[in-house]
Amino acid sequence: MALWITDECINCDVCEPECPNQAIAMGAEIYEIDPQRCTECVGHFDEPQCVALCPVSCIPVNPSFVETREQLLAKFHRLHPAGASTPPGASAGASPVPTSLHDPAAA
């Protein structure tokens, strides 16, 4: 599932530069996430960076864009056809999907 930014966003500018897929951009009033580019950081990090860094916890899973783990990984490969190099701070063996968002036992 893609993530989305709720209207609790305070426009702190923390999330946008951390998105490895350039899925976050300023909208009319708050930041917005493009669901066609959001992979929940699959293939880049073990957890979504925007969620980890958001000071007001306003970035839940978007129920309008339900995707399986396989679909998120396929989207990652579509966005990065040659494969992505491991960004600074990322785990080279990053889990294909952050388990904290999909596995209640991991929370």
Foldseek 3Di string as FASTA:
>chain_A
DFKWFDPVAPQPVPQQVPDPQNQWDQDPDGITGNRLRGLQCFLAALGRPNCVPRPVNRIAHDPVDDDDLVRSLVSQCVSPVVGDDHDPPHDNPHDRHNVVRPPVVVD
